[in-house]
């Protein structure tokens, strides 16, 4: 709900001009060079695989758009952050937190979570739309943000990224309960299976509203101002992927036209995601960070392989 660790990110202009650079910087800074341990998930986890999937830009944008539909969660962001001035910074800071929790060792993940929990202590007020009080550390709001992020990751990967079996999806949801506990969701509250996740999202839908802040969030993410002309066509494809991945109930609340993408169109959007990935890979530190991740994955596979 707030911008964790944003003091470590380079200030930007708030346009897409810095999207690749700043998300790349966040990624490179979040992969430890000499980890103390394998963290909360480890190189053999589904979490490691999906966190580095090509589809993560769509997952991240989709997650923010859906999360914005909860009026109390959005009120906290709108009243206590500078997202309108620097929305790219918010996206990059959130990415940094997610990557740190996924790939960092346990001390690093716990430190990152403590920073966010400390920020949340000061994020409270009254939503001007519903008149209801809110606190960013409310377990119900923390659960909403967590659940949308998890569901967005699975949905985006299935449409535009790696193959995600039903077993993999259940494993990912179960693994992510550790991330929920880190951020302050009480034990046993976060969904541990896809069925539980779907049931939770269905139950919370009556609370969702299209506030002006939510409308502004979606408008910026889908049609950002100040876009580099060279990125405009790529962003249109990214936008189509995000809209196609939205759940029908979110599409209806926003008043968007429902979209179905053909297999051919999905392949084209995957190619665009590959271009974004290549641009990111060219940024300082990213290649080295990925190599550190891949080395640990290979070592884990080698240690598990049967010996002759």
Foldseek 3Di string as FASTA:
>chain_A
DAQFPLVPFDDDQQFCVCLLVLLLVLLLVQADPDAPDQALAHLVALLLVLLPKLLVVLLLLLLLLVLCQQQQLLQLPVVPYPCVRHVSSSSSSVNSLSNNNRGHHHVSNLVRLVRLLVVQQPRWDARPPPRHTHGSLPLVSLLSSLLSSLVSSVLSCVLATPPADQVNSLRSQQSCVVVSVSNRNDPPPRDNHPVSSVVVVVVCLVSTACDPSSLVSNCCQLPNPPDDPVCVVLSPLSSLSNQQSHDPSSCVRNVHDHDDDDPVSSVVNNVSSVVSVVSSCPHPSNVVSVVVSVVRSVVVVVVPDDDD
